[in-house]
Amino acid sequence: MPVDSGLLTISQVAARLPGTRGAGRVHPATVTRWILVGCPARDRRRVKLAAIRAGSRWLIRDTDLQAFFAALAADAPPGPPDKPDRTSTERRKAVDRATQDLTRMGA
Protein backbone atom coordinates (compact mmCIF):
# COMPACT_ATOMS: atom_id res chain seq x y z
CA MET A 1 0.00 0.00 0.00
CA PRO A 2 1.60 3.30 -1.05
CA VAL A 3 1.99 6.04 1.54
CA ASP A 4 -0.17 9.08 0.75
CA SER A 5 2.05 12.17 0.77
CA GLY A 6 -1.08 14.33 1.22
CA LEU A 7 -1.51 13.18 4.81
CA LEU A 8 -0.88 15.67 7.59
CA THR A 9 -0.42 15.16 11.31
CA ILE A 10 -2.44 17.12 13.85
CA SER A 11 0.61 19.29 14.56
CA GLN A 12 1.06 20.06 10.87
CA VAL A 13 -2.61 21.03 10.52
CA ALA A 14 -2.39 23.23 13.63
CA ALA A 15 0.72 24.96 12.28
CA ARG A 16 -1.08 25.78 9.01
CA LEU A 17 -4.01 27.56 10.66
CA PRO A 18 -3.85 30.99 12.28
CA GLY A 19 -4.88 31.22 15.89
CA THR A 20 -7.27 33.67 17.48
CA ARG A 21 -6.86 36.25 20.22
CA GLY A 22 -3.19 36.75 19.50
CA ALA A 23 -2.21 33.09 19.26
CA GLY A 24 0.19 32.30 16.48
CA ARG A 25 -1.59 29.10 15.51
CA VAL A 26 -4.45 26.81 16.41
CA HIS A 27 -3.70 24.51 19.33
CA PRO A 28 -3.36 20.80 18.44
CA ALA A 29 -6.05 19.98 21.03
CA THR A 30 -8.47 22.07 18.96
CA VAL A 31 -7.80 19.97 15.87
CA THR A 32 -8.26 16.80 17.93
CA ARG A 33 -11.59 18.15 19.19
CA TRP A 34 -12.68 18.82 15.59
CA ILE A 35 -11.98 15.13 14.85
CA LEU A 36 -13.63 13.64 17.93
CA VAL A 37 -16.48 16.05 18.70
CA GLY A 38 -16.82 18.27 15.64
CA CYS A 39 -18.13 21.82 15.36
CA PRO A 40 -21.68 23.10 15.05
CA ALA A 41 -22.48 24.22 11.51
CA ARG A 42 -24.90 26.98 10.57
CA ASP A 43 -27.64 24.44 9.92
CA ARG A 44 -27.30 23.14 13.51
CA ARG A 45 -25.71 19.81 12.56
CA ARG A 46 -22.33 18.70 13.87
CA VAL A 47 -19.51 18.59 11.34
CA LYS A 48 -16.50 16.42 12.18
CA LEU A 49 -13.08 16.60 10.59
CA ALA A 50 -12.42 13.32 8.77
CA ALA A 51 -9.18 11.69 9.88
CA ILE A 52 -7.41 8.35 9.72
CA ARG A 53 -6.15 6.68 12.86
CA ALA A 54 -2.65 5.30 12.30
CA GLY A 55 -1.34 3.68 15.45
CA SER A 56 -1.38 6.32 18.14
CA ARG A 57 -1.72 9.31 15.83
CA TRP A 58 -4.32 10.92 13.63
CA LEU A 59 -3.63 11.69 9.97
CA ILE A 60 -5.68 14.19 7.99
CA ARG A 61 -5.92 14.57 4.24
CA ASP A 62 -5.65 18.11 2.93
CA THR A 63 -8.86 17.55 0.94
CA ASP A 64 -10.69 16.47 4.13
CA LEU A 65 -9.53 19.65 5.86
CA GLN A 66 -10.87 21.76 3.00
CA ALA A 67 -14.16 19.84 3.01
CA PHE A 68 -14.47 20.39 6.78
CA PHE A 69 -14.15 24.17 6.45
CA ALA A 70 -16.45 24.23 3.41
CA ALA A 71 -19.13 22.38 5.38
CA LEU A 72 -18.82 24.85 8.26
CA ALA A 73 -19.02 27.84 5.91
CA ALA A 74 -22.02 26.56 3.95
CA ASP A 75 -25.13 28.67 4.29
CA ALA A 76 -27.92 27.26 6.37
CA PRO A 77 -31.03 26.29 4.47
CA PRO A 78 -34.04 28.53 5.09
CA GLY A 79 -35.96 27.36 8.07
CA PRO A 80 -37.41 28.48 11.35
CA PRO A 81 -35.64 31.30 13.16
CA ASP A 82 -33.11 30.42 15.83
CA LYS A 83 -35.24 31.86 18.60
CA PRO A 84 -38.90 30.87 18.72
CA ASP A 85 -41.53 33.59 18.82
CA ARG A 86 -42.83 34.66 22.20
CA THR A 87 -45.70 32.71 23.63
CA SER A 88 -49.07 34.37 24.15
CA THR A 89 -48.37 34.56 27.90
CA GLU A 90 -45.05 36.32 27.29
CA ARG A 91 -46.71 38.78 24.89
CA ARG A 92 -49.52 39.51 27.39
CA LYS A 93 -47.01 40.15 30.20
CA ALA A 94 -45.03 42.50 27.94
CA VAL A 95 -48.20 44.43 27.10
CA ASP A 96 -49.10 44.66 30.80
CA ARG A 97 -45.60 45.97 31.65
CA ALA A 98 -45.76 48.53 28.85
CA THR A 99 -49.22 49.67 29.99
CA GLN A 100 -47.96 50.09 33.56
CA ASP A 101 -44.95 52.09 32.35
CA LEU A 102 -47.18 54.38 30.30
CA THR A 103 -49.52 54.87 33.25
CA ARG A 104 -46.60 55.83 35.50
CA MET A 105 -45.42 58.35 32.88
CA GLY A 106 -48.87 59.88 32.78
CA ALA A 107 -49.74 58.90 29.25
PDB file of N, CA and C in Angstrom:
ATOM      1  N   MET A   1       0.843  -1.173   0.000  1.00  0.00           N
ATOM      2  CA  MET A   1       0.000   0.000   0.000  1.00  0.00           C
ATOM      3  C   MET A   1       0.892   1.242   0.000  1.00  0.00           C
ATOM      4  N   PRO A   2       0.748   2.122  -0.983  1.00  0.00           N
ATOM      5  CA  PRO A   2       1.602   3.305  -1.046  1.00  0.00           C
ATOM      6  C   PRO A   2       1.221   4.321   0.035  1.00  0.00           C
ATOM      7  N   VAL A   3       2.215   5.014   0.538  1.00  0.00           N
ATOM      8  CA  VAL A   3       1.986   6.045   1.544  1.00  0.00           C
ATOM      9  C   VAL A   3       1.505   7.307   0.838  1.00  0.00           C
ATOM     10  N   ASP A   4       0.412   7.861   1.329  1.00  0.00           N
ATOM     11  CA  ASP A   4      -0.167   9.079   0.748  1.00  0.00           C
ATOM     12  C   ASP A   4       0.622  10.282   1.256  1.00  0.00           C
ATOM     13  N   SER A   5       1.257  11.019   0.347  1.00  0.00           N
ATOM     14  CA  SER A   5       2.046  12.173   0.766  1.00  0.00           C
ATOM     15  C   SER A   5       1.150  13.353   1.144  1.00  0.00           C
ATOM     16  N   GLY A   6      -0.151  13.263   0.870  1.00  0.00           N
ATOM     17  CA  GLY A   6      -1.082  14.335   1.215  1.00  0.00           C
ATOM     18  C   GLY A   6      -1.602  14.237   2.629  1.00  0.00           C
ATOM     19  N   LEU A   7      -1.063  13.325   3.432  1.00  0.00           N
ATOM     20  CA  LEU A   7      -1.509  13.175   4.814  1.00  0.00           C
ATOM     21  C   LEU A   7      -0.745  14.112   5.734  1.00  0.00           C
ATOM     22  N   LEU A   8      -1.479  14.738   6.650  1.00  0.00           N
ATOM     23  CA  LEU A   8      -0.885  15.668   7.595  1.00  0.00           C
ATOM     24  C   LEU A   8      -1.147  15.193   9.011  1.00  0.00           C
ATOM     25  N   THR A   9      -0.213  15.459   9.909  1.00  0.00           N
ATOM     26  CA  THR A   9      -0.425  15.156  11.314  1.00  0.00           C
ATOM     27  C   THR A   9      -1.225  16.299  11.945  1.00  0.00           C
ATOM     28  N   ILE A  10      -1.692  16.071  13.146  1.00  0.00           N
ATOM     29  CA  ILE A  10      -2.438  17.116  13.845  1.00  0.00           C
ATOM     30  C   ILE A  10      -1.564  18.350  14.041  1.00  0.00           C
ATOM     31  N   SER A  11      -0.303  18.161  14.374  1.00  0.00           N
ATOM     32  CA  SER A  11       0.607  19.292  14.562  1.00  0.00           C
ATOM     33  C   SER A  11       0.798  20.085  13.274  1.00  0.00           C
ATOM     34  N   GLN A  12       0.896  19.379  12.140  1.00  0.00           N
ATOM     35  CA  GLN A  12       1.055  20.064  10.867  1.00  0.00           C
ATOM     36  C   GLN A  12      -0.192  20.863  10.505  1.00  0.00           C
ATOM     37  N   VAL A  13      -1.364  20.299  10.783  1.00  0.00           N
ATOM     38  CA  VAL A  13      -2.611  21.027  10.522  1.00  0.00           C
ATOM     39  C   VAL A  13      -2.674  22.260  11.414  1.00  0.00           C
ATOM     40  N   ALA A  14      -2.349  22.101  12.698  1.00  0.00           N
ATOM     41  CA  ALA A  14      -2.388  23.228  13.630  1.00  0.00           C
ATOM     42  C   ALA A  14      -1.424  24.335  13.207  1.00  0.00           C
ATOM     43  N   ALA A  15      -0.270  23.961  12.697  1.00  0.00           N
ATOM     44  CA  ALA A  15       0.720  24.956  12.276  1.00  0.00           C
ATOM     45  C   ALA A  15       0.258  25.720  11.037  1.00  0.00           C
ATOM     46  N   ARG A  16      -0.600  25.127  10.233  1.00  0.00           N
ATOM     47  CA  ARG A  16      -1.083  25.779   9.010  1.00  0.00           C
ATOM     48  C   ARG A  16      -2.153  26.827   9.280  1.00  0.00           C
ATOM     49  N   LEU A  17      -2.847  26.718  10.409  1.00  0.00           N
ATOM     50  CA  LEU A  17      -4.010  27.564  10.659  1.00  0.00           C
ATOM     51  C   LEU A  17      -3.684  28.670  11.651  1.00  0.00           C
ATOM     52  N   PRO A  18      -4.108  29.892  11.353  1.00  0.00           N
ATOM     53  CA  PRO A  18      -3.845  30.992  12.280  1.00  0.00           C
ATOM     54  C   PRO A  18      -4.708  30.861  13.523  1.00  0.00           C
ATOM     55  N   GLY A  19      -4.146  31.264  14.640  1.00  0.00           N
ATOM     56  CA  GLY A  19      -4.882  31.221  15.891  1.00  0.00           C
ATOM     57  C   GLY A  19      -5.742  32.454  16.064  1.00  0.00           C
ATOM     58  N   THR A  20      -6.449  32.509  17.169  1.00  0.00           N
ATOM     59  CA  THR A  20      -7.275  33.675  17.485  1.00  0.00           C
ATOM     60  C   THR A  20      -6.776  34.304  18.762  1.00  0.00           C
ATOM     61  N   ARG A  21      -7.199  35.508  18.993  1.00  0.00           N
ATOM     62  CA  ARG A  21      -6.856  36.248  20.216  1.00  0.00           C
ATOM     63  C   ARG A  21      -5.352  36.321  20.444  1.00  0.00           C
ATOM     64  N   GLY A  22      -4.621  36.568  19.381  1.00  0.00           N
ATOM     65  CA  GLY A  22      -3.187  36.753  19.500  1.00  0.00           C
ATOM     66  C   GLY A  22      -2.346  35.499  19.411  1.00  0.00           C
ATOM     67  N   ALA A  23      -2.982  34.340  19.361  1.00  0.00           N
ATOM     68  CA  ALA A  23      -2.213  33.093  19.256  1.00  0.00           C
ATOM     69  C   ALA A  23      -1.644  32.973  17.849  1.00  0.00           C
ATOM     70  N   GLY A  24      -0.463  32.439  17.770  1.00  0.00           N
ATOM     71  CA  GLY A  24       0.193  32.299  16.478  1.00  0.00           C
ATOM     72  C   GLY A  24      -0.419  31.212  15.606  1.00  0.00           C
ATOM     73  N   ARG A  25      -1.011  30.206  16.257  1.00  0.00           N
ATOM     74  CA  ARG A  25      -1.593  29.101  15.515  1.00  0.00           C
ATOM     75  C   ARG A  25      -2.674  28.433  16.355  1.00  0.00           C
ATOM     76  N   VAL A  26      -3.430  27.585  15.715  1.00  0.00           N
ATOM     77  CA  VAL A  26      -4.453  26.811  16.408  1.00  0.00           C
ATOM     78  C   VAL A  26      -3.758  25.760  17.273  1.00  0.00           C
ATOM     79  N   HIS A  27      -4.291  25.505  18.437  1.00  0.00           N
ATOM     80  CA  HIS A  27      -3.697  24.508  19.326  1.00  0.00           C
ATOM     81  C   HIS A  27      -4.023  23.106  18.802  1.00  0.00           C
ATOM     82  N   PRO A  28      -3.092  22.167  18.895  1.00  0.00           N
ATOM     83  CA  PRO A  28      -3.359  20.800  18.437  1.00  0.00           C
ATOM     84  C   PRO A  28      -4.579  20.162  19.109  1.00  0.00           C
ATOM     85  N   ALA A  29      -4.865  20.524  20.352  1.00  0.00           N
ATOM     86  CA  ALA A  29      -6.048  19.981  21.028  1.00  0.00           C
ATOM     87  C   ALA A  29      -7.331  20.417  20.317  1.00  0.00           C
ATOM     88  N   THR A  30      -7.310  21.599  19.709  1.00  0.00           N
ATOM     89  CA  THR A  30      -8.472  22.073  18.960  1.00  0.00           C
ATOM     90  C   THR A  30      -8.719  21.185  17.755  1.00  0.00           C
ATOM     91  N   VAL A  31      -7.666  20.841  17.044  1.00  0.00           N
ATOM     92  CA  VAL A  31      -7.798  19.973  15.869  1.00  0.00           C
ATOM     93  C   VAL A  31      -8.300  18.594  16.300  1.00  0.00           C
ATOM     94  N   THR A  32      -7.790  18.094  17.416  1.00  0.00           N
ATOM     95  CA  THR A  32      -8.256  16.805  17.934  1.00  0.00           C
ATOM     96  C   THR A  32      -9.737  16.870  18.282  1.00  0.00           C
ATOM     97  N   ARG A  33     -10.167  17.966  18.864  1.00  0.00           N
ATOM     98  CA  ARG A  33     -11.586  18.148  19.190  1.00  0.00           C
ATOM     99  C   ARG A  33     -12.441  18.185  17.930  1.00  0.00           C
ATOM    100  N   TRP A  34     -11.935  18.802  16.859  1.00  0.00           N
ATOM    101  CA  TRP A  34     -12.676  18.815  15.585  1.00  0.00           C
ATOM    102  C   TRP A  34     -12.876  17.395  15.075  1.00  0.00           C
ATOM    103  N   ILE A  35     -11.892  16.530  15.301  1.00  0.00           N
ATOM    104  CA  ILE A  35     -11.981  15.134  14.847  1.00  0.00           C
ATOM    105  C   ILE A  35     -12.971  14.354  15.707  1.00  0.00           C
ATOM    106  N   LEU A  36     -12.850  14.467  17.019  1.00  0.00           N
ATOM    107  CA  LEU A  36     -13.626  13.640  17.935  1.00  0.00           C
ATOM    108  C   LEU A  36     -15.044  14.164  18.192  1.00  0.00           C
ATOM    109  N   VAL A  37     -15.188  15.467  18.327  1.00  0.00           N
ATOM    110  CA  VAL A  37     -16.476  16.051  18.703  1.00  0.00           C
ATOM    111  C   VAL A  37     -17.122  16.802  17.542  1.00  0.00           C
ATOM    112  N   GLY A  38     -16.300  17.480  16.746  1.00  0.00           N
ATOM    113  CA  GLY A  38     -16.822  18.268  15.641  1.00  0.00           C
ATOM    114  C   GLY A  38     -17.146  19.687  16.067  1.00  0.00           C
ATOM    115  N   CYS A  39     -17.726  20.436  15.127  1.00  0.00           N
ATOM    116  CA  CYS A  39     -18.132  21.817  15.361  1.00  0.00           C
ATOM    117  C   CYS A  39     -19.569  21.984  14.889  1.00  0.00           C
ATOM    118  N   PRO A  40     -20.329  22.869  15.526  1.00  0.00           N
ATOM    119  CA  PRO A  40     -21.683  23.104  15.048  1.00  0.00           C
ATOM    120  C   PRO A  40     -21.659  23.938  13.770  1.00  0.00           C
ATOM    121  N   ALA A  41     -22.377  23.477  12.768  1.00  0.00           N
ATOM    122  CA  ALA A  41     -22.480  24.215  11.509  1.00  0.00           C
ATOM    123  C   ALA A  41     -23.663  25.175  11.589  1.00  0.00           C
ATOM    124  N   ARG A  42     -23.814  26.002  10.588  1.00  0.00           N
ATOM    125  CA  ARG A  42     -24.901  26.980  10.573  1.00  0.00           C
ATOM    126  C   ARG A  42     -26.272  26.331  10.525  1.00  0.00           C
ATOM    127  N   ASP A  43     -26.344  25.133   9.995  1.00  0.00           N
ATOM    128  CA  ASP A  43     -27.639  24.445   9.920  1.00  0.00           C
ATOM    129  C   ASP A  43     -27.883  23.553  11.134  1.00  0.00           C
ATOM    130  N   ARG A  44     -27.150  23.804  12.215  1.00  0.00           N
ATOM    131  CA  ARG A  44     -27.299  23.142  13.507  1.00  0.00           C
ATOM    132  C   ARG A  44     -26.869  21.678  13.544  1.00  0.00           C
ATOM    133  N   ARG A  45     -26.225  21.184  12.513  1.00  0.00           N
ATOM    134  CA  ARG A  45     -25.709  19.815  12.563  1.00  0.00           C
ATOM    135  C   ARG A  45     -24.249  19.880  12.977  1.00  0.00           C
ATOM    136  N   ARG A  46     -23.735  18.769  13.464  1.00  0.00           N
ATOM    137  CA  ARG A  46     -22.334  18.695  13.875  1.00  0.00           C
ATOM    138  C   ARG A  46     -21.499  18.228  12.696  1.00  0.00           C
ATOM    139  N   VAL A  47     -20.427  18.944  12.421  1.00  0.00           N
ATOM    140  CA  VAL A  47     -19.507  18.588  11.341  1.00  0.00           C
ATOM    141  C   VAL A  47     -18.200  18.146  11.974  1.00  0.00           C
ATOM    142  N   LYS A  48     -17.767  16.932  11.654  1.00  0.00           N
ATOM    143  CA  LYS A  48     -16.504  16.419  12.181  1.00  0.00           C
ATOM    144  C   LYS A  48     -15.442  16.431  11.080  1.00  0.00           C
ATOM    145  N   LEU A  49     -14.213  16.644  11.492  1.00  0.00           N
ATOM    146  CA  LEU A  49     -13.077  16.596  10.587  1.00  0.00           C
ATOM    147  C   LEU A  49     -12.723  15.128  10.350  1.00  0.00           C
ATOM    148  N   ALA A  50     -12.762  14.711   9.103  1.00  0.00           N
ATOM    149  CA  ALA A  50     -12.420  13.324   8.767  1.00  0.00           C
ATOM    150  C   ALA A  50     -10.920  13.112   8.978  1.00  0.00           C
ATOM    151  N   ALA A  51     -10.586  12.008   9.605  1.00  0.00           N
ATOM    152  CA  ALA A  51      -9.184  11.692   9.882  1.00  0.00           C
ATOM    153  C   ALA A  51      -9.004  10.184   9.912  1.00  0.00           C
ATOM    154  N   ILE A  52      -7.772   9.774   9.735  1.00  0.00           N
ATOM    155  CA  ILE A  52      -7.412   8.354   9.724  1.00  0.00           C
ATOM    156  C   ILE A  52      -6.574   8.083  10.967  1.00  0.00           C
ATOM    157  N   ARG A  53      -6.930   7.053  11.687  1.00  0.00           N
ATOM    158  CA  ARG A  53      -6.149   6.676  12.860  1.00  0.00           C
ATOM    159  C   ARG A  53      -5.038   5.737  12.401  1.00  0.00           C
ATOM    160  N   ALA A  54      -3.799   6.123  12.669  1.00  0.00           N
ATOM    161  CA  ALA A  54      -2.646   5.302  12.300  1.00  0.00           C
ATOM    162  C   ALA A  54      -1.815   5.077  13.551  1.00  0.00           C
ATOM    163  N   GLY A  55      -2.039   3.947  14.190  1.00  0.00           N
ATOM    164  CA  GLY A  55      -1.344   3.685  15.446  1.00  0.00           C
ATOM    165  C   GLY A  55      -1.860   4.609  16.519  1.00  0.00           C
ATOM    166  N   SER A  56      -0.987   5.403  17.077  1.00  0.00           N
ATOM    167  CA  SER A  56      -1.383   6.323  18.145  1.00  0.00           C
ATOM    168  C   SER A  56      -1.573   7.752  17.654  1.00  0.00           C
ATOM    169  N   ARG A  57      -1.586   7.948  16.348  1.00  0.00           N
ATOM    170  CA  ARG A  57      -1.716   9.314  15.827  1.00  0.00           C
ATOM    171  C   ARG A  57      -2.832   9.416  14.808  1.00  0.00           C
ATOM    172  N   TRP A  58      -3.292  10.626  14.619  1.00  0.00           N
ATOM    173  CA  TRP A  58      -4.316  10.925  13.631  1.00  0.00           C
ATOM    174  C   TRP A  58      -3.636  11.514  12.403  1.00  0.00           C
ATOM    175  N   LEU A  59      -4.116  11.125  11.225  1.00  0.00           N
ATOM    176  CA  LEU A  59      -3.630  11.687   9.971  1.00  0.00           C
ATOM    177  C   LEU A  59      -4.821  12.272   9.223  1.00  0.00           C
ATOM    178  N   ILE A  60      -4.604  13.455   8.663  1.00  0.00           N
ATOM    179  CA  ILE A  60      -5.680  14.190   7.995  1.00  0.00           C
ATOM    180  C   ILE A  60      -5.266  14.493   6.568  1.00  0.00           C
ATOM    181  N   ARG A  61      -6.159  14.206   5.642  1.00  0.00           N
ATOM    182  CA  ARG A  61      -5.916  14.570   4.243  1.00  0.00           C
ATOM    183  C   ARG A  61      -6.209  16.052   4.061  1.00  0.00           C
ATOM    184  N   ASP A  62      -5.440  16.694   3.211  1.00  0.00           N
ATOM    185  CA  ASP A  62      -5.652  18.109   2.927  1.00  0.00           C
ATOM    186  C   ASP A  62      -7.058  18.325   2.362  1.00  0.00           C
ATOM    187  N   THR A  63      -7.518  17.415   1.527  1.00  0.00           N
ATOM    188  CA  THR A  63      -8.865  17.553   0.942  1.00  0.00           C
ATOM    189  C   THR A  63      -9.943  17.434   2.021  1.00  0.00           C
ATOM    190  N   ASP A  64      -9.724  16.590   3.037  1.00  0.00           N
ATOM    191  CA  ASP A  64     -10.690  16.474   4.135  1.00  0.00           C
ATOM    192  C   ASP A  64     -10.735  17.749   4.967  1.00  0.00           C
ATOM    193  N   LEU A  65      -9.588  18.386   5.130  1.00  0.00           N
ATOM    194  CA  LEU A  65      -9.530  19.649   5.865  1.00  0.00           C
ATOM    195  C   LEU A  65     -10.311  20.732   5.116  1.00  0.00           C
ATOM    196  N   GLN A  66     -10.133  20.789   3.803  1.00  0.00           N
ATOM    197  CA  GLN A  66     -10.868  21.760   2.999  1.00  0.00           C
ATOM    198  C   GLN A  66     -12.362  21.478   3.024  1.00  0.00           C
ATOM    199  N   ALA A  67     -12.744  20.209   2.969  1.00  0.00           N
ATOM    200  CA  ALA A  67     -14.162  19.842   3.013  1.00  0.00           C
ATOM    201  C   ALA A  67     -14.776  20.206   4.366  1.00  0.00           C
ATOM    202  N   PHE A  68     -14.008  20.043   5.441  1.00  0.00           N
ATOM    203  CA  PHE A  68     -14.473  20.392   6.784  1.00  0.00           C
ATOM    204  C   PHE A  68     -14.813  21.876   6.862  1.00  0.00           C
ATOM    205  N   PHE A  69     -13.903  22.732   6.394  1.00  0.00           N
ATOM    206  CA  PHE A  69     -14.152  24.169   6.450  1.00  0.00           C
ATOM    207  C   PHE A  69     -15.259  24.590   5.490  1.00  0.00           C
ATOM    208  N   ALA A  70     -15.361  23.919   4.344  1.00  0.00           N
ATOM    209  CA  ALA A  70     -16.446  24.231   3.408  1.00  0.00           C
ATOM    210  C   ALA A  70     -17.803  23.890   4.024  1.00  0.00           C
ATOM    211  N   ALA A  71     -17.875  22.772   4.741  1.00  0.00           N
ATOM    212  CA  ALA A  71     -19.132  22.377   5.384  1.00  0.00           C
ATOM    213  C   ALA A  71     -19.509  23.364   6.481  1.00  0.00           C
ATOM    214  N   LEU A  72     -18.529  23.878   7.210  1.00  0.00           N
ATOM    215  CA  LEU A  72     -18.820  24.853   8.255  1.00  0.00           C
ATOM    216  C   LEU A  72     -19.251  26.194   7.671  1.00  0.00           C
ATOM    217  N   ALA A  73     -18.722  26.548   6.518  1.00  0.00           N
ATOM    218  CA  ALA A  73     -19.023  27.838   5.913  1.00  0.00           C
ATOM    219  C   ALA A  73     -20.289  27.827   5.068  1.00  0.00           C
ATOM    220  N   ALA A  74     -20.824  26.654   4.790  1.00  0.00           N
ATOM    221  CA  ALA A  74     -22.020  26.563   3.947  1.00  0.00           C
ATOM    222  C   ALA A  74     -23.184  27.284   4.609  1.00  0.00           C
ATOM    223  N   ASP A  75     -23.968  27.956   3.789  1.00  0.00           N
ATOM    224  CA  ASP A  75     -25.133  28.672   4.295  1.00  0.00           C
ATOM    225  C   ASP A  75     -26.178  27.694   4.789  1.00  0.00           C
ATOM    226  N   ALA A  76     -26.848  28.088   5.818  1.00  0.00           N
ATOM    227  CA  ALA A  76     -27.918  27.256   6.368  1.00  0.00           C
ATOM    228  C   ALA A  76     -29.134  27.337   5.456  1.00  0.00           C
ATOM    229  N   PRO A  77     -29.819  26.235   5.271  1.00  0.00           N
ATOM    230  CA  PRO A  77     -31.033  26.285   4.474  1.00  0.00           C
ATOM    231  C   PRO A  77     -32.099  27.110   5.183  1.00  0.00           C
ATOM    232  N   PRO A  78     -33.007  27.735   4.425  1.00  0.00           N
ATOM    233  CA  PRO A  78     -34.035  28.526   5.087  1.00  0.00           C
ATOM    234  C   PRO A  78     -34.878  27.635   5.999  1.00  0.00           C
ATOM    235  N   GLY A  79     -35.184  28.137   7.118  1.00  0.00           N
ATOM    236  CA  GLY A  79     -35.959  27.363   8.066  1.00  0.00           C
ATOM    237  C   GLY A  79     -36.470  28.251   9.169  1.00  0.00           C
ATOM    238  N   PRO A  80     -36.891  27.665  10.252  1.00  0.00           N
ATOM    239  CA  PRO A  80     -37.412  28.482  11.345  1.00  0.00           C
ATOM    240  C   PRO A  80     -36.307  29.323  11.962  1.00  0.00           C
ATOM    241  N   PRO A  81     -36.661  30.457  12.533  1.00  0.00           N
ATOM    242  CA  PRO A  81     -35.644  31.301  13.163  1.00  0.00           C
ATOM    243  C   PRO A  81     -35.010  30.578  14.344  1.00  0.00           C
ATOM    244  N   ASP A  82     -33.825  31.044  14.723  1.00  0.00           N
ATOM    245  CA  ASP A  82     -33.108  30.422  15.826  1.00  0.00           C
ATOM    246  C   ASP A  82     -33.894  30.512  17.131  1.00  0.00           C
ATOM    247  N   LYS A  83     -34.497  31.666  17.363  1.00  0.00           N
ATOM    248  CA  LYS A  83     -35.237  31.858  18.599  1.00  0.00           C
ATOM    249  C   LYS A  83     -36.732  31.785  18.290  1.00  0.00           C
ATOM    250  N   PRO A  84     -37.467  30.954  18.985  1.00  0.00           N
ATOM    251  CA  PRO A  84     -38.898  30.872  18.715  1.00  0.00           C
ATOM    252  C   PRO A  84     -39.608  32.161  19.108  1.00  0.00           C
ATOM    253  N   ASP A  85     -40.740  32.417  18.485  1.00  0.00           N
ATOM    254  CA  ASP A  85     -41.533  33.586  18.825  1.00  0.00           C
ATOM    255  C   ASP A  85     -41.990  33.491  20.269  1.00  0.00           C
ATOM    256  N   ARG A  86     -42.339  34.655  20.822  1.00  0.00           N
ATOM    257  CA  ARG A  86     -42.830  34.663  22.196  1.00  0.00           C
ATOM    258  C   ARG A  86     -44.176  33.956  22.278  1.00  0.00           C
ATOM    259  N   THR A  87     -44.409  33.357  23.414  1.00  0.00           N
ATOM    260  CA  THR A  87     -45.700  32.712  23.630  1.00  0.00           C
ATOM    261  C   THR A  87     -46.746  33.780  23.916  1.00  0.00           C
ATOM    262  N   SER A  88     -48.003  33.400  23.888  1.00  0.00           N
ATOM    263  CA  SER A  88     -49.068  34.370  24.151  1.00  0.00           C
ATOM    264  C   SER A  88     -48.967  34.916  25.578  1.00  0.00           C
ATOM    265  N   THR A  89     -48.540  34.105  26.514  1.00  0.00           N
ATOM    266  CA  THR A  89     -48.372  34.561  27.896  1.00  0.00           C
ATOM    267  C   THR A  89     -47.257  35.601  27.981  1.00  0.00           C
ATOM    268  N   GLU A  90     -46.151  35.352  27.285  1.00  0.00           N
ATOM    269  CA  GLU A  90     -45.050  36.321  27.293  1.00  0.00           C
ATOM    270  C   GLU A  90     -45.465  37.635  26.645  1.00  0.00           C
ATOM    271  N   ARG A  91     -46.226  37.559  25.558  1.00  0.00           N
ATOM    272  CA  ARG A  91     -46.708  38.783  24.890  1.00  0.00           C
ATOM    273  C   ARG A  91     -47.646  39.560  25.820  1.00  0.00           C
ATOM    274  N   ARG A  92     -48.569  38.857  26.496  1.00  0.00           N
ATOM    275  CA  ARG A  92     -49.520  39.507  27.393  1.00  0.00           C
ATOM    276  C   ARG A  92     -48.790  40.196  28.535  1.00  0.00           C
ATOM    277  N   LYS A  93     -47.776  39.540  29.108  1.00  0.00           N
ATOM    278  CA  LYS A  93     -47.007  40.146  30.196  1.00  0.00           C
ATOM    279  C   LYS A  93     -46.260  41.387  29.715  1.00  0.00           C
ATOM    280  N   ALA A  94     -45.734  41.342  28.494  1.00  0.00           N
ATOM    281  CA  ALA A  94     -45.026  42.498  27.941  1.00  0.00           C
ATOM    282  C   ALA A  94     -45.986  43.663  27.737  1.00  0.00           C
ATOM    283  N   VAL A  95     -47.192  43.376  27.272  1.00  0.00           N
ATOM    284  CA  VAL A  95     -48.199  44.425  27.096  1.00  0.00           C
ATOM    285  C   VAL A  95     -48.572  45.016  28.452  1.00  0.00           C
ATOM    286  N   ASP A  96     -48.758  44.176  29.453  1.00  0.00           N
ATOM    287  CA  ASP A  96     -49.096  44.657  30.799  1.00  0.00           C
ATOM    288  C   ASP A  96     -47.996  45.550  31.354  1.00  0.00           C
ATOM    289  N   ARG A  97     -46.722  45.148  31.181  1.00  0.00           N
ATOM    290  CA  ARG A  97     -45.605  45.973  31.647  1.00  0.00           C
ATOM    291  C   ARG A  97     -45.567  47.316  30.930  1.00  0.00           C
ATOM    292  N   ALA A  98     -45.773  47.290  29.622  1.00  0.00           N
ATOM    293  CA  ALA A  98     -45.757  48.530  28.848  1.00  0.00           C
ATOM    294  C   ALA A  98     -46.904  49.437  29.275  1.00  0.00           C
ATOM    295  N   THR A  99     -48.068  48.889  29.547  1.00  0.00           N
ATOM    296  CA  THR A  99     -49.221  49.673  29.986  1.00  0.00           C
ATOM    297  C   THR A  99     -48.928  50.314  31.343  1.00  0.00           C
ATOM    298  N   GLN A 100     -48.321  49.561  32.251  1.00  0.00           N
ATOM    299  CA  GLN A 100     -47.957  50.089  33.564  1.00  0.00           C
ATOM    300  C   GLN A 100     -46.938  51.216  33.426  1.00  0.00           C
ATOM    301  N   ASP A 101     -45.960  51.037  32.561  1.00  0.00           N
ATOM    302  CA  ASP A 101     -44.953  52.088  32.351  1.00  0.00           C
ATOM    303  C   ASP A 101     -45.593  53.362  31.809  1.00  0.00           C
ATOM    304  N   LEU A 102     -46.502  53.202  30.859  1.00  0.00           N
ATOM    305  CA  LEU A 102     -47.178  54.380  30.296  1.00  0.00           C
ATOM    306  C   LEU A 102     -48.048  55.076  31.343  1.00  0.00           C
ATOM    307  N   THR A 103     -48.680  54.294  32.192  1.00  0.00           N
ATOM    308  CA  THR A 103     -49.519  54.867  33.245  1.00  0.00           C
ATOM    309  C   THR A 103     -48.669  55.663  34.228  1.00  0.00           C
ATOM    310  N   ARG A 104     -47.511  55.119  34.588  1.00  0.00           N
ATOM    311  CA  ARG A 104     -46.600  55.829  35.504  1.00  0.00           C
ATOM    312  C   ARG A 104     -46.092  57.125  34.882  1.00  0.00           C
ATOM    313  N   MET A 105     -45.909  57.144  33.558  1.00  0.00           N
ATOM    314  CA  MET A 105     -45.421  58.349  32.876  1.00  0.00           C
ATOM    315  C   MET A 105     -46.543  59.370  32.664  1.00  0.00           C
ATOM    316  N   GLY A 106     -47.755  58.960  32.917  1.00  0.00           N
ATOM    317  CA  GLY A 106     -48.875  59.880  32.777  1.00  0.00           C
ATOM    318  C   GLY A 106     -49.452  59.916  31.372  1.00  0.00           C
ATOM    319  N   ALA A 107     -49.205  58.895  30.612  1.00  0.00           N
ATOM    320  CA  ALA A 107     -49.743  58.897  29.247  1.00  0.00           C
ATOM    321  C   ALA A 107     -51.082  58.213  29.185  1.00  0.00           C
TER     322      ALA A 107
END
